[in-house]
Amino acid sequence: MELILWRHADAGEPIDDPEQDLARRLSPRGRKQSMRMAAWLAARLPERYALVSSPAPRAVETAEALGGRVRLDPILLPGARGEDVLSAVAWPSGQEGRPRHCVLVGHQPALGRAAALALTGLELDWALKKSALIWLTARPDDAERPILLRAAIGPDLL
């Protein structure tokens, strides 16, 4: 399975009221970030992939920049655990009948924790910049290297 953990792009500063914070949309900077990262991803993804997003508007807008059909999963809302993120896509084996590649758009700190958990077995607080991604490959047939870090890149490097 190929798993791309993509943090939503810039949506301005957090808002103290949780309901208002959840409704934040991408800023103009965030729209540019998401378009840059989507172009980078589109050049590397196969024709068939799954695109799963937190229902938060800033995450959905980020996912929509890729142009595919977005499946919303409330387990990815802010406050998710790294373990929740990985279970949403049945990491590392994937879901039967689903594409081998999955792009998952969500929030910090859950995405950083999910990446740490997948790579180290520990749910550590790894930072992931806005609109940055981590691309992981599960290789269950390779006992020495069952997880491969394919890419870790932010929009400022594109």
C-alpha atoms as a PDB file:
ATOM      1  CA  MET A   1       0.000   0.000   0.000  1.00  0.00           C
ATOM      2  CA  GLU A   2       1.115   3.529  -0.803  1.00  0.00           C
ATOM      3  CA  LEU A   3      -0.063   6.089   1.783  1.00  0.00           C
ATOM      4  CA  ILE A   4       0.306   9.818   1.300  1.00  0.00           C
ATOM      5  CA  LEU A   5      -0.394  11.824   4.462  1.00  0.00           C
ATOM      6  CA  TRP A   6      -1.125  15.395   3.328  1.00  0.00           C
ATOM      7  CA  ARG A   7      -1.680  18.153   5.864  1.00  0.00           C
ATOM      8  CA  HIS A   8      -4.280  20.731   4.880  1.00  0.00           C
ATOM      9  CA  ALA A   9      -2.923  23.980   3.475  1.00  0.00           C
ATOM     10  CA  ASP A  10      -2.872  27.371   5.227  1.00  0.00           C
ATOM     11  CA  ALA A  11      -6.204  28.518   6.631  1.00  0.00           C
ATOM     12  CA  GLY A  12      -5.024  31.439   8.737  1.00  0.00           C
ATOM     13  CA  GLU A  13      -4.741  31.440  12.496  1.00  0.00           C
ATOM     14  CA  PRO A  14      -6.742  29.034  14.679  1.00  0.00           C
ATOM     15  CA  ILE A  15      -9.909  30.400  16.282  1.00  0.00           C
ATOM     16  CA  ASP A  16     -10.656  29.812  19.975  1.00  0.00           C
ATOM     17  CA  ASP A  17     -14.264  28.784  19.348  1.00  0.00           C
ATOM     18  CA  PRO A  18     -14.088  25.116  18.203  1.00  0.00           C
ATOM     19  CA  GLU A  19     -17.110  25.385  15.903  1.00  0.00           C
ATOM     20  CA  GLN A  20     -15.786  28.488  14.161  1.00  0.00           C
ATOM     21  CA  ASP A  21     -12.306  26.984  13.975  1.00  0.00           C
ATOM     22  CA  LEU A  22     -13.644  23.869  12.285  1.00  0.00           C
ATOM     23  CA  ALA A  23     -15.332  26.043   9.625  1.00  0.00           C
ATOM     24  CA  ARG A  24     -12.111  27.822   8.584  1.00  0.00           C
ATOM     25  CA  ARG A  25     -11.435  27.804   4.841  1.00  0.00           C
ATOM     26  CA  LEU A  26      -8.157  28.083   2.974  1.00  0.00           C
ATOM     27  CA  SER A  27      -6.494  31.466   2.774  1.00  0.00           C
ATOM     28  CA  PRO A  28      -5.240  32.746  -0.596  1.00  0.00           C
ATOM     29  CA  ARG A  29      -1.798  31.460   0.449  1.00  0.00           C
ATOM     30  CA  GLY A  30      -3.346  28.094   1.294  1.00  0.00           C
ATOM     31  CA  ARG A  31      -5.007  27.824  -2.115  1.00  0.00           C
ATOM     32  CA  LYS A  32      -1.625  28.418  -3.784  1.00  0.00           C
ATOM     33  CA  GLN A  33       0.046  25.861  -1.508  1.00  0.00           C
ATOM     34  CA  SER A  34      -2.568  23.217  -2.216  1.00  0.00           C
ATOM     35  CA  MET A  35      -2.398  23.783  -5.981  1.00  0.00           C
ATOM     36  CA  ARG A  36       1.419  23.486  -5.976  1.00  0.00           C
ATOM     37  CA  MET A  37       1.359  20.296  -3.933  1.00  0.00           C
ATOM     38  CA  ALA A  38      -1.535  18.852  -5.974  1.00  0.00           C
ATOM     39  CA  ALA A  39       0.434  19.418  -9.197  1.00  0.00           C
ATOM     40  CA  TRP A  40       3.445  17.632  -7.690  1.00  0.00           C
ATOM     41  CA  LEU A  41       1.268  14.722  -6.549  1.00  0.00           C
ATOM     42  CA  ALA A  42      -0.685  14.456  -9.805  1.00  0.00           C
ATOM     43  CA  ALA A  43       2.562  13.984 -11.722  1.00  0.00           C
ATOM     44  CA  ARG A  44       3.450  10.995  -9.506  1.00  0.00           C
ATOM     45  CA  LEU A  45       0.160   9.266  -8.711  1.00  0.00           C
ATOM     46  CA  PRO A  46      -1.282   6.497 -10.873  1.00  0.00           C
ATOM     47  CA  GLU A  47      -4.592   7.024 -12.642  1.00  0.00           C
ATOM     48  CA  ARG A  48      -6.466   5.173  -9.897  1.00  0.00           C
ATOM     49  CA  TYR A  49      -6.062   6.263  -6.265  1.00  0.00           C
ATOM     50  CA  ALA A  50      -8.261   6.887  -3.225  1.00  0.00           C
ATOM     51  CA  LEU A  51      -8.615  10.423  -1.866  1.00  0.00           C
ATOM     52  CA  VAL A  52      -9.838  10.580   1.745  1.00  0.00           C
ATOM     53  CA  SER A  53     -10.252  13.806   3.707  1.00  0.00           C
ATOM     54  CA  SER A  54     -11.295  15.202   7.018  1.00  0.00           C
ATOM     55  CA  PRO A  55     -14.704  16.900   6.596  1.00  0.00           C
ATOM     56  CA  ALA A  56     -13.224  20.221   7.805  1.00  0.00           C
ATOM     57  CA  PRO A  57     -13.550  22.747   4.932  1.00  0.00           C
ATOM     58  CA  ARG A  58      -9.825  23.553   4.917  1.00  0.00           C
ATOM     59  CA  ALA A  59      -8.987  19.868   4.454  1.00  0.00           C
ATOM     60  CA  VAL A  60     -11.677  19.317   1.803  1.00  0.00           C
ATOM     61  CA  GLU A  61     -10.472  22.348  -0.182  1.00  0.00           C
ATOM     62  CA  THR A  62      -6.912  21.032  -0.001  1.00  0.00           C
ATOM     63  CA  ALA A  63      -8.021  17.601  -1.236  1.00  0.00           C
ATOM     64  CA  GLU A  64     -10.141  19.085  -4.024  1.00  0.00           C
ATOM     65  CA  ALA A  65      -7.037  20.765  -5.474  1.00  0.00           C
ATOM     66  CA  LEU A  66      -5.984  17.285  -6.609  1.00  0.00           C
ATOM     67  CA  GLY A  67      -9.129  17.035  -8.718  1.00  0.00           C
ATOM     68  CA  GLY A  68     -10.281  13.554  -7.733  1.00  0.00           C
ATOM     69  CA  ARG A  69     -13.424  12.352  -5.992  1.00  0.00           C
ATOM     70  CA  VAL A  70     -13.032  13.070  -2.267  1.00  0.00           C
ATOM     71  CA  ARG A  71     -14.370  10.639   0.327  1.00  0.00           C
ATOM     72  CA  LEU A  72     -14.959  12.307   3.700  1.00  0.00           C
ATOM     73  CA  ASP A  73     -14.152  10.468   6.916  1.00  0.00           C
ATOM     74  CA  PRO A  74     -15.084  12.093  10.246  1.00  0.00           C
ATOM     75  CA  ILE A  75     -12.453  10.008  12.047  1.00  0.00           C
ATOM     76  CA  LEU A  76      -9.920  12.430  10.512  1.00  0.00           C
ATOM     77  CA  LEU A  77     -11.378  15.559  12.139  1.00  0.00           C
ATOM     78  CA  PRO A  78      -9.111  17.589  14.456  1.00  0.00           C
ATOM     79  CA  GLY A  79      -8.419  15.656  17.626  1.00  0.00           C
ATOM     80  CA  ALA A  80      -7.822  12.320  15.874  1.00  0.00           C
ATOM     81  CA  ARG A  81      -5.021  10.104  17.108  1.00  0.00           C
ATOM     82  CA  GLY A  82      -2.286   8.822  14.830  1.00  0.00           C
ATOM     83  CA  GLU A  83      -3.723   5.351  15.279  1.00  0.00           C
ATOM     84  CA  ASP A  84      -7.126   6.627  14.063  1.00  0.00           C
ATOM     85  CA  VAL A  85      -5.543   8.068  10.915  1.00  0.00           C
ATOM     86  CA  LEU A  86      -3.892   4.776   9.997  1.00  0.00           C
ATOM     87  CA  SER A  87      -7.014   2.735  10.759  1.00  0.00           C
ATOM     88  CA  ALA A  88      -9.096   4.970   8.464  1.00  0.00           C
ATOM     89  CA  VAL A  89      -7.272   3.421   5.496  1.00  0.00           C
ATOM     90  CA  ALA A  90      -6.486   0.000   7.014  1.00  0.00           C
ATOM     91  CA  TRP A  91      -2.737   0.694   7.056  1.00  0.00           C
ATOM     92  CA  PRO A  92      -0.545  -1.133   6.188  1.00  0.00           C
ATOM     93  CA  SER A  93      -2.493  -3.735   4.214  1.00  0.00           C
ATOM     94  CA  GLY A  94      -5.094  -1.419   2.669  1.00  0.00           C
ATOM     95  CA  GLN A  95      -8.744  -2.155   2.069  1.00  0.00           C
ATOM     96  CA  GLU A  96      -9.695  -4.968  -0.260  1.00  0.00           C
ATOM     97  CA  GLY A  97     -11.100  -3.657  -3.513  1.00  0.00           C
ATOM     98  CA  ARG A  98      -9.636  -0.173  -2.946  1.00  0.00           C
ATOM     99  CA  PRO A  99      -6.810   1.388  -4.957  1.00  0.00           C
ATOM    100  CA  ARG A 100      -3.267   0.640  -3.818  1.00  0.00           C
ATOM    101  CA  HIS A 101      -2.515   4.384  -3.502  1.00  0.00           C
ATOM    102  CA  CYS A 102      -4.326   6.449  -0.881  1.00  0.00           C
ATOM    103  CA  VAL A 103      -4.021  10.198  -0.348  1.00  0.00           C
ATOM    104  CA  LEU A 104      -5.263  11.128   3.101  1.00  0.00           C
ATOM    105  CA  VAL A 105      -5.801  14.839   3.922  1.00  0.00           C
ATOM    106  CA  GLY A 106      -6.025  15.819   7.558  1.00  0.00           C
ATOM    107  CA  HIS A 107      -4.664  17.796  10.472  1.00  0.00           C
ATOM    108  CA  GLN A 108      -1.780  18.119  12.879  1.00  0.00           C
ATOM    109  CA  PRO A 109      -0.789  16.666  15.219  1.00  0.00           C
ATOM    110  CA  ALA A 110      -2.578  13.497  14.047  1.00  0.00           C
ATOM    111  CA  LEU A 111      -0.761  13.215  10.702  1.00  0.00           C
ATOM    112  CA  GLY A 112       2.684  13.628  12.236  1.00  0.00           C
ATOM    113  CA  ARG A 113       1.797  11.062  14.874  1.00  0.00           C
ATOM    114  CA  ALA A 114       0.491   8.669  12.216  1.00  0.00           C
ATOM    115  CA  ALA A 115       3.734   8.978  10.232  1.00  0.00           C
ATOM    116  CA  ALA A 116       5.801   8.364  13.361  1.00  0.00           C
ATOM    117  CA  LEU A 117       3.662   5.378  14.311  1.00  0.00           C
ATOM    118  CA  ALA A 118       3.942   3.862  10.836  1.00  0.00           C
ATOM    119  CA  LEU A 119       7.723   4.320  10.667  1.00  0.00           C
ATOM    120  CA  THR A 120       8.782   3.691  14.282  1.00  0.00           C
ATOM    121  CA  GLY A 121       5.907   1.936  16.015  1.00  0.00           C
ATOM    122  CA  LEU A 122       5.641   4.892  18.413  1.00  0.00           C
ATOM    123  CA  GLU A 123       3.065   7.693  18.242  1.00  0.00           C
ATOM    124  CA  LEU A 124       5.586  10.537  18.489  1.00  0.00           C
ATOM    125  CA  ASP A 125       4.878  14.228  17.919  1.00  0.00           C
ATOM    126  CA  TRP A 126       6.428  14.809  14.507  1.00  0.00           C
ATOM    127  CA  ALA A 127       5.744  18.209  12.973  1.00  0.00           C
ATOM    128  CA  LEU A 128       4.291  18.529   9.490  1.00  0.00           C
ATOM    129  CA  LYS A 129       4.073  21.986   7.903  1.00  0.00           C
ATOM    130  CA  LYS A 130       0.860  23.175   6.309  1.00  0.00           C
ATOM    131  CA  SER A 131       0.311  21.544   2.903  1.00  0.00           C
ATOM    132  CA  ALA A 132       3.329  19.263   3.426  1.00  0.00           C
ATOM    133  CA  LEU A 133       3.121  15.541   2.848  1.00  0.00           C
ATOM    134  CA  ILE A 134       4.731  12.285   3.828  1.00  0.00           C
ATOM    135  CA  TRP A 135       4.567   9.378   1.367  1.00  0.00           C
ATOM    136  CA  LEU A 136       4.945   5.887   2.825  1.00  0.00           C
ATOM    137  CA  THR A 137       5.066   2.478   1.156  1.00  0.00           C
ATOM    138  CA  ALA A 138       4.163  -0.711   3.019  1.00  0.00           C
ATOM    139  CA  ARG A 139       6.164  -3.707   1.858  1.00  0.00           C
ATOM    140  CA  PRO A 140       4.860  -6.687   3.850  1.00  0.00           C
ATOM    141  CA  ASP A 141       7.092  -9.133   1.942  1.00  0.00           C
ATOM    142  CA  ASP A 142      10.281  -7.346   3.069  1.00  0.00           C
ATOM    143  CA  ALA A 143      10.922  -8.352   6.699  1.00  0.00           C
ATOM    144  CA  GLU A 144      14.004  -6.110   6.987  1.00  0.00           C
ATOM    145  CA  ARG A 145      12.371  -2.973   5.564  1.00  0.00           C
ATOM    146  CA  PRO A 146       8.576  -3.346   5.772  1.00  0.00           C
ATOM    147  CA  ILE A 147       7.952   0.423   5.579  1.00  0.00           C
ATOM    148  CA  LEU A 148       9.671   2.731   3.116  1.00  0.00           C
ATOM    149  CA  LEU A 149       9.692   6.527   3.355  1.00  0.00           C
ATOM    150  CA  ARG A 150       9.301   7.588  -0.283  1.00  0.00           C
ATOM    151  CA  ALA A 151       8.964  11.338   0.206  1.00  0.00           C
ATOM    152  CA  ALA A 152       8.614  14.070   2.784  1.00  0.00           C
ATOM    153  CA  ILE A 153       8.130  17.455   1.165  1.00  0.00           C
ATOM    154  CA  GLY A 154       6.559  20.834   1.819  1.00  0.00           C
ATOM    155  CA  PRO A 155       5.126  23.334  -0.653  1.00  0.00           C
ATOM    156  CA  ASP A 156       8.033  25.717  -0.099  1.00  0.00           C
ATOM    157  CA  LEU A 157      10.358  23.185  -1.790  1.00  0.00           C
ATOM    158  CA  LEU A 158       8.296  22.964  -4.983  1.00  0.00           C
END
